[in-house]
Amino acid sequence: MPKISSVVQTPNGSYLLTGSLLTGISEGAAYGDDAQMSTNYPIVSLTQGSNVYYARTYNWSSTGVMQIGKTQTTEFDLPQNLPTGAYSLAVSANGLQSAPYNFNYSSAIVWADFNYGSTGSGSFTDPYSLLDDAINGVPSGGTIEFEGGGATSETLTISKPMNLFAYNGPVTIGNATVSAIVRPQTTAARQPVETTTIVKPAITGSNIQMMVPYRASQPR
């Protein structure tokens, strides 16, 4: 059966899985020129509780079968809006699945909505309701996207670089006034874009207010 040796993130944001027997022990099935049902390719799944997600694999190092004793690799992209957290990652080929591999995912983009009714997991469909959770969940240099506008008077400490975007209404953070670093930006995919960029540890305490610029629609 397939075996996972390591999973590392690449500079372009994808993940590189290294292991063995990632393309199985046979091509699967074929019926002349009428039907080809090859299964000699890796399928990556991520399980969290009762939820199972599947990643897109590509750039397989080989499609050869019975590669016993040989190291193989595949890249994979995580599914969109995958909730952050710990997962059991597995790779399968020919219907045979590897042993689970511990995989922790922290998205470069997390979502927050102060009007959301539950704690949330940071995805677009299940956003954080508390900014403190979003700050803890976003990696250094990542982005917090706010849905629906709103305000929070939470006592906050922002101690890492991050970007803040708001959609469908302004977002107010804190309960006093402080100047924030605001850098309008325009990209082909997101026009117009305004973002508040925290470039160094700059926001601390409850005596701070920051307005996050917004635009009228989500990036969908």
N, C-alpha and C. Protein backbone atom coordinates (compact mmCIF):
# COMPACT_ATOMS: atom_id res chain seq x y z
N MET A 1 0.84 -1.19 0.00
CA MET A 1 0.00 0.00 0.00
C MET A 1 0.88 1.24 0.00
N PRO A 2 0.32 2.39 -0.39
CA PRO A 2 1.11 3.63 -0.39
C PRO A 2 1.62 3.98 1.00
N LYS A 3 2.72 4.71 1.05
CA LYS A 3 3.30 5.15 2.31
C LYS A 3 3.73 6.60 2.19
N ILE A 4 3.43 7.40 3.22
CA ILE A 4 3.80 8.82 3.24
C ILE A 4 5.04 8.99 4.10
N SER A 5 6.06 9.64 3.53
CA SER A 5 7.28 9.94 4.29
C SER A 5 7.26 11.37 4.84
N SER A 6 6.77 12.32 4.01
CA SER A 6 6.75 13.71 4.46
C SER A 6 5.75 14.51 3.62
N VAL A 7 5.28 15.60 4.21
CA VAL A 7 4.43 16.57 3.51
C VAL A 7 4.94 17.95 3.88
N VAL A 8 5.36 18.73 2.88
CA VAL A 8 5.88 20.07 3.13
C VAL A 8 5.21 21.06 2.18
N GLN A 9 5.08 22.29 2.64
CA GLN A 9 4.50 23.33 1.79
C GLN A 9 5.58 23.91 0.90
N THR A 10 5.23 24.19 -0.36
CA THR A 10 6.17 24.75 -1.31
C THR A 10 6.04 26.27 -1.32
N PRO A 11 7.00 26.99 -1.90
CA PRO A 11 6.93 28.45 -1.94
C PRO A 11 5.69 28.99 -2.67
N ASN A 12 5.11 28.21 -3.59
CA ASN A 12 3.94 28.69 -4.32
C ASN A 12 2.63 28.38 -3.61
N GLY A 13 2.70 27.83 -2.39
CA GLY A 13 1.50 27.59 -1.61
C GLY A 13 0.93 26.19 -1.72
N SER A 14 1.41 25.39 -2.68
CA SER A 14 0.96 24.00 -2.79
C SER A 14 1.70 23.16 -1.76
N TYR A 15 1.42 21.86 -1.75
CA TYR A 15 2.10 20.95 -0.82
C TYR A 15 2.76 19.84 -1.62
N LEU A 16 3.93 19.42 -1.16
CA LEU A 16 4.67 18.33 -1.80
C LEU A 16 4.65 17.14 -0.87
N LEU A 17 4.06 16.04 -1.36
CA LEU A 17 3.99 14.79 -0.61
C LEU A 17 5.04 13.84 -1.16
N THR A 18 5.87 13.30 -0.28
CA THR A 18 6.89 12.34 -0.65
C THR A 18 6.59 11.01 0.01
N GLY A 19 6.71 9.94 -0.75
CA GLY A 19 6.44 8.62 -0.20
C GLY A 19 6.79 7.53 -1.19
N SER A 20 6.11 6.42 -1.07
CA SER A 20 6.36 5.29 -1.96
C SER A 20 5.04 4.64 -2.37
N LEU A 21 5.07 3.96 -3.50
CA LEU A 21 3.89 3.28 -4.06
C LEU A 21 2.70 4.23 -4.22
N LEU A 22 3.00 5.48 -4.57
CA LEU A 22 1.94 6.48 -4.72
C LEU A 22 1.11 6.24 -5.98
N THR A 23 1.63 5.42 -6.90
CA THR A 23 0.88 5.13 -8.13
C THR A 23 0.44 3.68 -8.19
N GLY A 24 0.45 3.01 -7.05
CA GLY A 24 -0.17 1.70 -6.96
C GLY A 24 0.64 0.56 -7.53
N ILE A 25 -0.07 -0.58 -7.64
CA ILE A 25 0.59 -1.81 -8.09
C ILE A 25 0.09 -2.25 -9.47
N SER A 26 -0.89 -1.54 -10.04
CA SER A 26 -1.36 -1.85 -11.40
C SER A 26 -2.00 -0.60 -11.98
N GLU A 27 -2.27 -0.63 -13.27
CA GLU A 27 -2.92 0.51 -13.91
C GLU A 27 -4.41 0.54 -13.63
N GLY A 28 -4.95 -0.53 -13.12
CA GLY A 28 -6.38 -0.58 -12.87
C GLY A 28 -7.05 -1.51 -13.86
N ALA A 29 -7.89 -0.99 -14.74
CA ALA A 29 -8.62 -1.82 -15.69
C ALA A 29 -8.66 -1.15 -17.05
N ALA A 30 -8.72 -1.97 -18.08
CA ALA A 30 -8.82 -1.46 -19.45
C ALA A 30 -9.63 -2.46 -20.28
N TYR A 31 -10.43 -1.93 -21.20
CA TYR A 31 -11.22 -2.77 -22.08
C TYR A 31 -10.98 -2.30 -23.52
N GLY A 32 -9.82 -2.71 -24.03
CA GLY A 32 -9.48 -2.34 -25.40
C GLY A 32 -9.49 -0.83 -25.58
N ASP A 33 -10.06 -0.39 -26.73
CA ASP A 33 -10.17 1.05 -26.98
C ASP A 33 -11.55 1.58 -26.60
N ASP A 34 -12.35 0.76 -25.90
CA ASP A 34 -13.69 1.19 -25.50
C ASP A 34 -13.70 1.90 -24.15
N ALA A 35 -12.85 1.47 -23.23
CA ALA A 35 -12.88 2.05 -21.90
C ALA A 35 -11.52 1.90 -21.24
N GLN A 36 -11.08 2.94 -20.61
CA GLN A 36 -9.83 2.93 -19.86
C GLN A 36 -10.14 3.42 -18.44
N MET A 37 -9.90 2.60 -17.45
CA MET A 37 -10.25 2.95 -16.06
C MET A 37 -9.00 2.92 -15.20
N SER A 38 -7.98 3.65 -15.60
CA SER A 38 -6.72 3.64 -14.87
C SER A 38 -6.89 4.21 -13.46
N THR A 39 -6.20 3.59 -12.51
CA THR A 39 -6.22 4.07 -11.13
C THR A 39 -4.81 4.23 -10.58
N ASN A 40 -3.82 4.32 -11.47
CA ASN A 40 -2.42 4.42 -11.03
C ASN A 40 -2.03 5.89 -10.83
N TYR A 41 -2.73 6.53 -9.91
CA TYR A 41 -2.42 7.92 -9.54
C TYR A 41 -2.83 8.14 -8.09
N PRO A 42 -2.18 9.09 -7.42
CA PRO A 42 -2.44 9.30 -6.00
C PRO A 42 -3.69 10.16 -5.76
N ILE A 43 -4.47 9.78 -4.75
CA ILE A 43 -5.61 10.55 -4.28
C ILE A 43 -5.35 10.94 -2.83
N VAL A 44 -5.37 12.22 -2.54
CA VAL A 44 -5.09 12.70 -1.19
C VAL A 44 -6.39 13.06 -0.50
N SER A 45 -6.61 12.53 0.69
CA SER A 45 -7.80 12.84 1.48
C SER A 45 -7.38 13.38 2.84
N LEU A 46 -8.24 14.24 3.40
CA LEU A 46 -7.99 14.82 4.72
C LEU A 46 -9.23 14.61 5.57
N THR A 47 -9.07 13.97 6.73
CA THR A 47 -10.21 13.64 7.59
C THR A 47 -10.10 14.41 8.90
N GLN A 48 -11.21 15.03 9.27
CA GLN A 48 -11.31 15.75 10.53
C GLN A 48 -12.66 15.39 11.14
N GLY A 49 -12.65 14.52 12.16
CA GLY A 49 -13.91 14.03 12.72
C GLY A 49 -14.66 13.21 11.68
N SER A 50 -15.92 13.59 11.42
CA SER A 50 -16.73 12.88 10.42
C SER A 50 -16.63 13.50 9.04
N ASN A 51 -15.83 14.57 8.89
CA ASN A 51 -15.71 15.26 7.62
C ASN A 51 -14.48 14.77 6.86
N VAL A 52 -14.67 14.50 5.59
CA VAL A 52 -13.57 14.07 4.72
C VAL A 52 -13.48 15.02 3.54
N TYR A 53 -12.28 15.54 3.27
CA TYR A 53 -12.04 16.46 2.17
C TYR A 53 -11.01 15.83 1.23
N TYR A 54 -11.07 16.23 -0.04
CA TYR A 54 -10.14 15.69 -1.03
C TYR A 54 -9.35 16.81 -1.69
N ALA A 55 -8.05 16.59 -1.87
CA ALA A 55 -7.17 17.57 -2.49
C ALA A 55 -6.90 17.16 -3.94
N ARG A 56 -6.59 18.15 -4.78
CA ARG A 56 -6.25 17.87 -6.18
C ARG A 56 -4.75 17.59 -6.28
N THR A 57 -4.40 16.42 -6.81
CA THR A 57 -2.99 16.07 -6.99
C THR A 57 -2.57 16.33 -8.44
N TYR A 58 -1.29 16.62 -8.61
CA TYR A 58 -0.74 16.89 -9.94
C TYR A 58 0.78 16.82 -9.84
N ASN A 59 1.45 16.95 -10.98
CA ASN A 59 2.92 16.85 -11.03
C ASN A 59 3.42 15.58 -10.37
N TRP A 60 2.76 14.45 -10.69
CA TRP A 60 3.23 13.17 -10.18
C TRP A 60 4.62 12.89 -10.72
N SER A 61 5.50 12.39 -9.89
CA SER A 61 6.86 12.12 -10.35
C SER A 61 6.91 10.94 -11.31
N SER A 62 5.88 10.08 -11.24
CA SER A 62 5.85 8.91 -12.11
C SER A 62 4.42 8.37 -12.16
N THR A 63 4.10 7.71 -13.25
CA THR A 63 2.84 6.96 -13.32
C THR A 63 3.13 5.46 -13.45
N GLY A 64 4.40 5.11 -13.28
CA GLY A 64 4.77 3.70 -13.33
C GLY A 64 4.20 2.95 -12.14
N VAL A 65 3.91 1.68 -12.33
CA VAL A 65 3.33 0.87 -11.27
C VAL A 65 4.40 -0.04 -10.66
N MET A 66 4.08 -0.55 -9.47
CA MET A 66 5.00 -1.44 -8.75
C MET A 66 6.38 -0.80 -8.54
N GLN A 67 6.37 0.48 -8.15
CA GLN A 67 7.63 1.19 -7.92
C GLN A 67 8.15 0.89 -6.51
N ILE A 68 8.34 -0.39 -6.24
CA ILE A 68 8.75 -0.83 -4.90
C ILE A 68 10.17 -0.36 -4.60
N GLY A 69 10.34 0.25 -3.42
CA GLY A 69 11.65 0.71 -3.01
C GLY A 69 12.07 2.02 -3.61
N LYS A 70 11.21 2.64 -4.42
CA LYS A 70 11.54 3.91 -5.06
C LYS A 70 10.75 5.05 -4.42
N THR A 71 11.40 6.19 -4.29
CA THR A 71 10.73 7.37 -3.74
C THR A 71 9.92 8.06 -4.84
N GLN A 72 8.68 8.39 -4.52
CA GLN A 72 7.81 9.09 -5.45
C GLN A 72 7.26 10.35 -4.78
N THR A 73 6.87 11.31 -5.61
CA THR A 73 6.33 12.56 -5.08
C THR A 73 5.09 12.97 -5.87
N THR A 74 4.26 13.76 -5.23
CA THR A 74 3.15 14.41 -5.90
C THR A 74 2.89 15.75 -5.23
N GLU A 75 2.50 16.73 -6.00
CA GLU A 75 2.02 17.98 -5.42
C GLU A 75 0.52 17.88 -5.24
N PHE A 76 -0.01 18.67 -4.28
CA PHE A 76 -1.45 18.75 -4.15
C PHE A 76 -1.86 20.13 -3.66
N ASP A 77 -3.05 20.53 -4.06
CA ASP A 77 -3.66 21.78 -3.60
C ASP A 77 -4.82 21.45 -2.67
N LEU A 78 -4.93 22.16 -1.58
CA LEU A 78 -6.02 21.93 -0.65
C LEU A 78 -7.33 22.46 -1.22
N PRO A 79 -8.46 21.87 -0.85
CA PRO A 79 -9.74 22.36 -1.34
C PRO A 79 -10.02 23.77 -0.81
N GLN A 80 -10.75 24.53 -1.59
CA GLN A 80 -11.08 25.90 -1.21
C GLN A 80 -11.90 25.92 0.07
N ASN A 81 -11.61 26.89 0.94
CA ASN A 81 -12.35 27.09 2.19
C ASN A 81 -12.22 25.92 3.16
N LEU A 82 -11.09 25.20 3.08
CA LEU A 82 -10.85 24.13 4.04
C LEU A 82 -10.71 24.73 5.44
N PRO A 83 -11.49 24.27 6.43
CA PRO A 83 -11.35 24.80 7.79
C PRO A 83 -9.95 24.55 8.34
N THR A 84 -9.46 25.49 9.12
CA THR A 84 -8.16 25.29 9.75
C THR A 84 -8.26 24.22 10.84
N GLY A 85 -7.13 23.62 11.17
CA GLY A 85 -7.13 22.63 12.24
C GLY A 85 -6.27 21.42 11.92
N ALA A 86 -6.40 20.39 12.75
CA ALA A 86 -5.61 19.16 12.61
C ALA A 86 -6.39 18.13 11.79
N TYR A 87 -5.68 17.43 10.91
CA TYR A 87 -6.29 16.44 10.02
C TYR A 87 -5.47 15.15 10.02
N SER A 88 -6.14 14.06 9.69
CA SER A 88 -5.46 12.82 9.31
C SER A 88 -5.41 12.79 7.80
N LEU A 89 -4.22 12.92 7.26
CA LEU A 89 -4.04 12.95 5.80
C LEU A 89 -3.65 11.56 5.34
N ALA A 90 -4.21 11.13 4.22
CA ALA A 90 -3.87 9.82 3.66
C ALA A 90 -3.78 9.94 2.15
N VAL A 91 -3.02 9.04 1.55
CA VAL A 91 -2.94 8.97 0.09
C VAL A 91 -3.32 7.55 -0.32
N SER A 92 -4.06 7.44 -1.40
CA SER A 92 -4.49 6.12 -1.88
C SER A 92 -4.25 5.98 -3.37
N ALA A 93 -4.09 4.75 -3.80
CA ALA A 93 -3.97 4.40 -5.22
C ALA A 93 -4.48 2.98 -5.38
N ASN A 94 -5.16 2.70 -6.47
CA ASN A 94 -5.76 1.38 -6.70
C ASN A 94 -6.72 0.99 -5.57
N GLY A 95 -7.28 1.95 -4.88
CA GLY A 95 -8.18 1.64 -3.79
C GLY A 95 -7.50 1.28 -2.48
N LEU A 96 -6.16 1.31 -2.46
CA LEU A 96 -5.41 1.01 -1.24
C LEU A 96 -4.96 2.32 -0.61
N GLN A 97 -5.20 2.48 0.69
CA GLN A 97 -4.91 3.74 1.38
C GLN A 97 -3.75 3.59 2.34
N SER A 98 -2.95 4.65 2.42
CA SER A 98 -1.81 4.67 3.33
C SER A 98 -2.27 4.79 4.78
N ALA A 99 -1.34 4.61 5.69
CA ALA A 99 -1.59 4.92 7.09
C ALA A 99 -1.77 6.43 7.22
N PRO A 100 -2.55 6.90 8.21
CA PRO A 100 -2.78 8.34 8.35
C PRO A 100 -1.50 9.09 8.72
N TYR A 101 -1.42 10.31 8.23
CA TYR A 101 -0.29 11.20 8.48
C TYR A 101 -0.83 12.46 9.15
N ASN A 102 -0.26 12.86 10.27
CA ASN A 102 -0.75 14.04 10.99
C ASN A 102 -0.44 15.30 10.20
N PHE A 103 -1.48 16.10 9.94
CA PHE A 103 -1.35 17.29 9.09
C PHE A 103 -2.11 18.43 9.75
N ASN A 104 -1.41 19.52 10.02
CA ASN A 104 -2.02 20.70 10.61
C ASN A 104 -2.10 21.81 9.57
N TYR A 105 -3.29 22.35 9.42
CA TYR A 105 -3.51 23.36 8.38
C TYR A 105 -3.87 24.69 9.01
N SER A 106 -3.10 25.71 8.65
CA SER A 106 -3.39 27.09 9.05
C SER A 106 -3.46 27.92 7.79
N SER A 107 -4.65 28.35 7.42
CA SER A 107 -4.85 29.03 6.15
C SER A 107 -4.18 30.40 6.13
N ALA A 108 -3.67 30.80 4.97
CA ALA A 108 -3.15 32.16 4.81
C ALA A 108 -4.27 33.18 4.85
N ILE A 109 -5.51 32.73 4.62
CA ILE A 109 -6.69 33.60 4.69
C ILE A 109 -7.68 32.99 5.66
N VAL A 110 -8.11 33.77 6.64
CA VAL A 110 -9.18 33.34 7.53
C VAL A 110 -10.30 34.37 7.46
N TRP A 111 -11.52 33.93 7.72
CA TRP A 111 -12.70 34.78 7.63
C TRP A 111 -13.27 35.05 9.01
N ALA A 112 -13.79 36.26 9.21
CA ALA A 112 -14.42 36.65 10.47
C ALA A 112 -15.71 37.41 10.17
N ASP A 113 -16.70 37.23 11.03
CA ASP A 113 -17.98 37.94 10.91
C ASP A 113 -18.51 38.17 12.33
N PHE A 114 -18.51 39.44 12.74
CA PHE A 114 -18.94 39.75 14.10
C PHE A 114 -20.42 39.48 14.33
N ASN A 115 -21.18 39.27 13.26
CA ASN A 115 -22.60 39.00 13.37
C ASN A 115 -22.93 37.51 13.31
N TYR A 116 -21.88 36.68 13.22
CA TYR A 116 -22.09 35.24 13.09
C TYR A 116 -22.51 34.64 14.43
N GLY A 117 -23.40 33.68 14.39
CA GLY A 117 -24.03 33.19 15.61
C GLY A 117 -23.25 32.16 16.40
N SER A 118 -22.17 31.61 15.85
CA SER A 118 -21.40 30.60 16.58
C SER A 118 -19.92 30.94 16.49
N THR A 119 -19.10 30.15 17.17
CA THR A 119 -17.67 30.46 17.26
C THR A 119 -17.00 30.46 15.89
N GLY A 120 -17.32 29.46 15.06
CA GLY A 120 -16.78 29.39 13.71
C GLY A 120 -15.40 28.74 13.66
N SER A 121 -15.01 28.38 12.43
CA SER A 121 -13.72 27.72 12.22
C SER A 121 -12.78 28.53 11.35
N GLY A 122 -13.24 29.71 10.87
CA GLY A 122 -12.37 30.58 10.08
C GLY A 122 -12.52 30.44 8.58
N SER A 123 -13.43 29.58 8.11
CA SER A 123 -13.66 29.44 6.67
C SER A 123 -14.69 30.48 6.22
N PHE A 124 -14.88 30.59 4.91
CA PHE A 124 -15.85 31.55 4.37
C PHE A 124 -17.26 31.20 4.81
N THR A 125 -17.59 29.92 4.84
CA THR A 125 -18.94 29.50 5.20
C THR A 125 -19.13 29.35 6.71
N ASP A 126 -18.04 29.33 7.48
CA ASP A 126 -18.12 29.18 8.93
C ASP A 126 -17.08 30.11 9.57
N PRO A 127 -17.30 31.44 9.46
CA PRO A 127 -16.28 32.40 9.90
C PRO A 127 -16.15 32.48 11.42
N TYR A 128 -15.01 32.98 11.86
CA TYR A 128 -14.85 33.28 13.28
C TYR A 128 -15.80 34.42 13.66
N SER A 129 -16.37 34.35 14.85
CA SER A 129 -17.19 35.46 15.33
C SER A 129 -16.40 36.40 16.22
N LEU A 130 -15.23 35.96 16.67
CA LEU A 130 -14.36 36.78 17.52
C LEU A 130 -13.08 37.12 16.77
N LEU A 131 -12.70 38.38 16.80
CA LEU A 131 -11.48 38.79 16.13
C LEU A 131 -10.25 38.15 16.76
N ASP A 132 -10.28 37.94 18.06
CA ASP A 132 -9.15 37.31 18.73
C ASP A 132 -8.87 35.93 18.16
N ASP A 133 -9.95 35.16 17.86
CA ASP A 133 -9.77 33.84 17.25
C ASP A 133 -9.16 33.96 15.86
N ALA A 134 -9.60 34.99 15.11
CA ALA A 134 -9.06 35.19 13.76
C ALA A 134 -7.59 35.56 13.82
N ILE A 135 -7.21 36.41 14.77
CA ILE A 135 -5.82 36.82 14.91
C ILE A 135 -4.95 35.61 15.27
N ASN A 136 -5.44 34.77 16.16
CA ASN A 136 -4.68 33.57 16.53
C ASN A 136 -4.62 32.57 15.39
N GLY A 137 -5.66 32.55 14.53
CA GLY A 137 -5.74 31.56 13.48
C GLY A 137 -4.99 31.91 12.21
N VAL A 138 -4.73 33.20 11.99
CA VAL A 138 -4.07 33.61 10.74
C VAL A 138 -2.55 33.53 10.92
N PRO A 139 -1.82 33.00 9.93
CA PRO A 139 -0.37 32.95 10.05
C PRO A 139 0.25 34.32 9.83
N SER A 140 1.50 34.47 10.21
CA SER A 140 2.22 35.71 9.99
C SER A 140 2.23 36.06 8.50
N GLY A 141 1.84 37.29 8.18
CA GLY A 141 1.77 37.72 6.78
C GLY A 141 0.49 37.33 6.09
N GLY A 142 -0.43 36.66 6.81
CA GLY A 142 -1.69 36.23 6.21
C GLY A 142 -2.74 37.33 6.17
N THR A 143 -3.99 36.94 5.90
CA THR A 143 -5.06 37.90 5.69
C THR A 143 -6.30 37.51 6.49
N ILE A 144 -6.91 38.48 7.14
CA ILE A 144 -8.23 38.31 7.75
C ILE A 144 -9.24 39.02 6.88
N GLU A 145 -10.25 38.28 6.42
CA GLU A 145 -11.33 38.84 5.60
C GLU A 145 -12.58 38.95 6.47
N PHE A 146 -13.15 40.16 6.54
CA PHE A 146 -14.36 40.39 7.34
C PHE A 146 -15.59 40.36 6.45
N GLU A 147 -16.60 39.62 6.85
CA GLU A 147 -17.87 39.57 6.13
C GLU A 147 -18.90 40.47 6.81
N GLY A 148 -19.64 41.24 6.02
CA GLY A 148 -20.86 41.87 6.50
C GLY A 148 -20.72 43.09 7.37
N GLY A 149 -19.51 43.61 7.61
CA GLY A 149 -19.37 44.78 8.45
C GLY A 149 -19.56 44.46 9.92
N GLY A 150 -19.55 45.52 10.75
CA GLY A 150 -19.76 45.32 12.17
C GLY A 150 -18.65 45.93 12.99
N ALA A 151 -18.67 45.66 14.29
CA ALA A 151 -17.70 46.25 15.20
C ALA A 151 -17.38 45.29 16.32
N THR A 152 -16.19 45.45 16.91
CA THR A 152 -15.80 44.69 18.09
C THR A 152 -15.05 45.61 19.03
N SER A 153 -15.29 45.47 20.32
CA SER A 153 -14.56 46.25 21.32
C SER A 153 -13.63 45.33 22.12
N GLU A 154 -13.26 44.19 21.50
CA GLU A 154 -12.36 43.26 22.18
C GLU A 154 -11.04 43.92 22.53
N THR A 155 -10.45 43.50 23.64
CA THR A 155 -9.09 43.90 23.98
C THR A 155 -8.15 43.03 23.15
N LEU A 156 -7.35 43.67 22.33
CA LEU A 156 -6.59 42.94 21.32
C LEU A 156 -5.10 43.21 21.42
N THR A 157 -4.33 42.22 21.01
CA THR A 157 -2.90 42.40 20.77
C THR A 157 -2.59 41.80 19.41
N ILE A 158 -2.22 42.65 18.47
CA ILE A 158 -1.80 42.18 17.14
C ILE A 158 -0.28 42.30 17.11
N SER A 159 0.38 41.18 17.06
CA SER A 159 1.84 41.18 17.19
C SER A 159 2.54 40.51 16.01
N LYS A 160 1.85 40.41 14.88
CA LYS A 160 2.48 39.83 13.70
C LYS A 160 1.93 40.54 12.47
N PRO A 161 2.67 40.53 11.36
CA PRO A 161 2.17 41.19 10.14
C PRO A 161 0.92 40.49 9.62
N MET A 162 -0.05 41.27 9.14
CA MET A 162 -1.26 40.70 8.55
C MET A 162 -1.96 41.76 7.72
N ASN A 163 -2.86 41.31 6.84
CA ASN A 163 -3.69 42.19 6.04
C ASN A 163 -5.13 42.05 6.48
N LEU A 164 -5.90 43.15 6.45
CA LEU A 164 -7.29 43.14 6.84
C LEU A 164 -8.14 43.67 5.69
N PHE A 165 -9.14 42.86 5.26
CA PHE A 165 -10.08 43.27 4.22
C PHE A 165 -11.50 43.22 4.80
N ALA A 166 -12.38 44.09 4.33
CA ALA A 166 -13.78 44.06 4.75
C ALA A 166 -14.67 44.11 3.53
N TYR A 167 -15.83 43.44 3.61
CA TYR A 167 -16.78 43.35 2.51
C TYR A 167 -18.17 43.71 2.99
N ASN A 168 -18.92 44.44 2.15
CA ASN A 168 -20.34 44.73 2.40
C ASN A 168 -20.58 45.59 3.63
N GLY A 169 -19.59 46.31 4.10
CA GLY A 169 -19.79 47.22 5.21
C GLY A 169 -18.50 47.45 5.97
N PRO A 170 -18.36 48.64 6.60
CA PRO A 170 -17.13 48.94 7.34
C PRO A 170 -17.03 48.11 8.61
N VAL A 171 -15.81 47.89 9.04
CA VAL A 171 -15.53 47.16 10.27
C VAL A 171 -14.76 48.08 11.21
N THR A 172 -15.21 48.14 12.45
CA THR A 172 -14.54 48.96 13.47
C THR A 172 -13.95 48.04 14.52
N ILE A 173 -12.68 48.26 14.83
CA ILE A 173 -11.98 47.45 15.81
C ILE A 173 -11.56 48.35 16.97
N GLY A 174 -11.94 48.00 18.20
CA GLY A 174 -11.52 48.74 19.37
C GLY A 174 -12.47 49.88 19.73
N ASN A 175 -12.04 50.76 20.64
CA ASN A 175 -12.94 51.79 21.15
C ASN A 175 -12.28 53.14 21.37
N ALA A 176 -11.18 53.41 20.71
CA ALA A 176 -10.57 54.75 20.75
C ALA A 176 -10.03 55.02 19.37
N THR A 177 -9.16 55.98 19.20
CA THR A 177 -8.70 56.35 17.86
C THR A 177 -7.20 56.18 17.75
N VAL A 178 -6.78 55.62 16.65
CA VAL A 178 -5.36 55.50 16.34
C VAL A 178 -5.23 55.53 14.83
N SER A 179 -4.13 56.08 14.34
CA SER A 179 -3.91 56.08 12.90
C SER A 179 -3.47 54.70 12.47
N ALA A 180 -4.01 54.22 11.37
CA ALA A 180 -3.65 52.89 10.85
C ALA A 180 -2.97 53.06 9.50
N ILE A 181 -2.22 52.07 9.13
CA ILE A 181 -1.54 52.07 7.83
C ILE A 181 -2.52 51.57 6.79
N VAL A 182 -2.96 52.44 5.91
CA VAL A 182 -3.94 52.06 4.89
C VAL A 182 -3.30 52.21 3.53
N ARG A 183 -3.31 51.14 2.76
CA ARG A 183 -2.67 51.14 1.45
C ARG A 183 -3.66 50.70 0.39
N PRO A 184 -4.26 51.61 -0.37
CA PRO A 184 -5.13 51.17 -1.47
C PRO A 184 -4.34 50.35 -2.48
N GLN A 185 -4.95 49.29 -2.95
CA GLN A 185 -4.31 48.41 -3.93
C GLN A 185 -5.31 48.05 -5.01
N THR A 186 -4.82 47.74 -6.18
CA THR A 186 -5.68 47.27 -7.26
C THR A 186 -5.02 46.08 -7.94
N THR A 187 -5.78 45.00 -8.09
CA THR A 187 -5.29 43.83 -8.81
C THR A 187 -6.33 43.42 -9.83
N ALA A 188 -5.93 42.62 -10.78
CA ALA A 188 -6.86 42.20 -11.83
C ALA A 188 -8.04 41.42 -11.25
N ALA A 189 -7.77 40.63 -10.21
CA ALA A 189 -8.81 39.77 -9.67
C ALA A 189 -9.67 40.48 -8.62
N ARG A 190 -9.18 41.57 -8.05
CA ARG A 190 -9.89 42.18 -6.94
C ARG A 190 -9.86 43.70 -7.14
N GLN A 191 -10.85 44.26 -7.80
CA GLN A 191 -10.90 45.67 -8.08
C GLN A 191 -12.22 46.26 -7.61
N PRO A 192 -12.22 47.44 -6.95
CA PRO A 192 -11.03 48.02 -6.33
C PRO A 192 -10.78 47.35 -4.99
N VAL A 193 -9.56 47.43 -4.53
CA VAL A 193 -9.20 46.79 -3.27
C VAL A 193 -8.58 47.85 -2.35
N GLU A 194 -9.06 47.92 -1.14
CA GLU A 194 -8.38 48.70 -0.11
C GLU A 194 -8.10 47.77 1.05
N THR A 195 -6.93 47.90 1.61
CA THR A 195 -6.54 47.00 2.69
C THR A 195 -5.82 47.75 3.79
N THR A 196 -6.09 47.41 5.00
CA THR A 196 -5.30 47.90 6.12
C THR A 196 -4.22 46.87 6.40
N THR A 197 -2.98 47.27 6.26
CA THR A 197 -1.86 46.35 6.40
C THR A 197 -1.11 46.65 7.69
N ILE A 198 -1.05 45.68 8.57
CA ILE A 198 -0.26 45.81 9.79
C ILE A 198 1.12 45.26 9.48
N VAL A 199 2.12 46.13 9.37
CA VAL A 199 3.43 45.69 8.90
C VAL A 199 4.38 45.34 10.03
N LYS A 200 4.02 45.62 11.27
CA LYS A 200 4.85 45.27 12.42
C LYS A 200 3.96 45.31 13.66
N PRO A 201 4.42 44.79 14.80
CA PRO A 201 3.60 44.88 16.00
C PRO A 201 3.21 46.33 16.29
N ALA A 202 1.96 46.66 16.08
CA ALA A 202 1.56 48.07 16.11
C ALA A 202 0.26 48.32 16.84
N ILE A 203 -0.55 47.29 17.08
CA ILE A 203 -1.86 47.48 17.69
C ILE A 203 -1.91 46.69 18.98
N THR A 204 -2.00 47.37 20.10
CA THR A 204 -2.04 46.68 21.38
C THR A 204 -3.01 47.38 22.32
N GLY A 205 -3.82 46.59 23.04
CA GLY A 205 -4.65 47.14 24.10
C GLY A 205 -6.07 47.45 23.70
N SER A 206 -6.86 47.91 24.67
CA SER A 206 -8.28 48.18 24.42
C SER A 206 -8.54 49.63 24.07
N ASN A 207 -7.53 50.49 24.14
CA ASN A 207 -7.72 51.92 23.88
C ASN A 207 -7.40 52.26 22.43
N ILE A 208 -7.83 51.39 21.54
CA ILE A 208 -7.48 51.54 20.12
C ILE A 208 -8.73 51.36 19.28
N GLN A 209 -8.86 52.18 18.25
CA GLN A 209 -9.91 51.95 17.27
C GLN A 209 -9.29 52.00 15.89
N MET A 210 -9.72 51.11 15.03
CA MET A 210 -9.22 51.08 13.67
C MET A 210 -10.39 50.81 12.74
N MET A 211 -10.50 51.60 11.68
CA MET A 211 -11.52 51.39 10.67
C MET A 211 -10.91 50.62 9.52
N VAL A 212 -11.56 49.54 9.12
CA VAL A 212 -11.10 48.75 7.99
C VAL A 212 -11.90 49.14 6.76
N PRO A 213 -11.27 49.66 5.69
CA PRO A 213 -12.01 50.01 4.48
C PRO A 213 -12.73 48.79 3.91
N TYR A 214 -13.76 49.04 3.12
CA TYR A 214 -14.50 47.91 2.60
C TYR A 214 -14.90 48.13 1.16
N ARG A 215 -15.31 47.03 0.51
CA ARG A 215 -15.87 47.06 -0.83
C ARG A 215 -17.16 46.26 -0.83
N ALA A 216 -17.91 46.35 -1.90
CA ALA A 216 -19.32 45.97 -1.85
C ALA A 216 -19.61 44.51 -2.09
N SER A 217 -18.63 43.66 -2.33
CA SER A 217 -18.96 42.26 -2.59
C SER A 217 -17.83 41.36 -2.15
N GLN A 218 -18.17 40.12 -1.84
CA GLN A 218 -17.16 39.13 -1.51
C GLN A 218 -16.40 38.71 -2.76
N PRO A 219 -15.17 38.19 -2.58
CA PRO A 219 -14.36 37.78 -3.74
C PRO A 219 -14.81 36.44 -4.28
N ARG A 220 -15.99 36.38 -4.86
CA ARG A 220 -16.52 35.15 -5.37
C ARG A 220 -16.87 35.31 -6.84
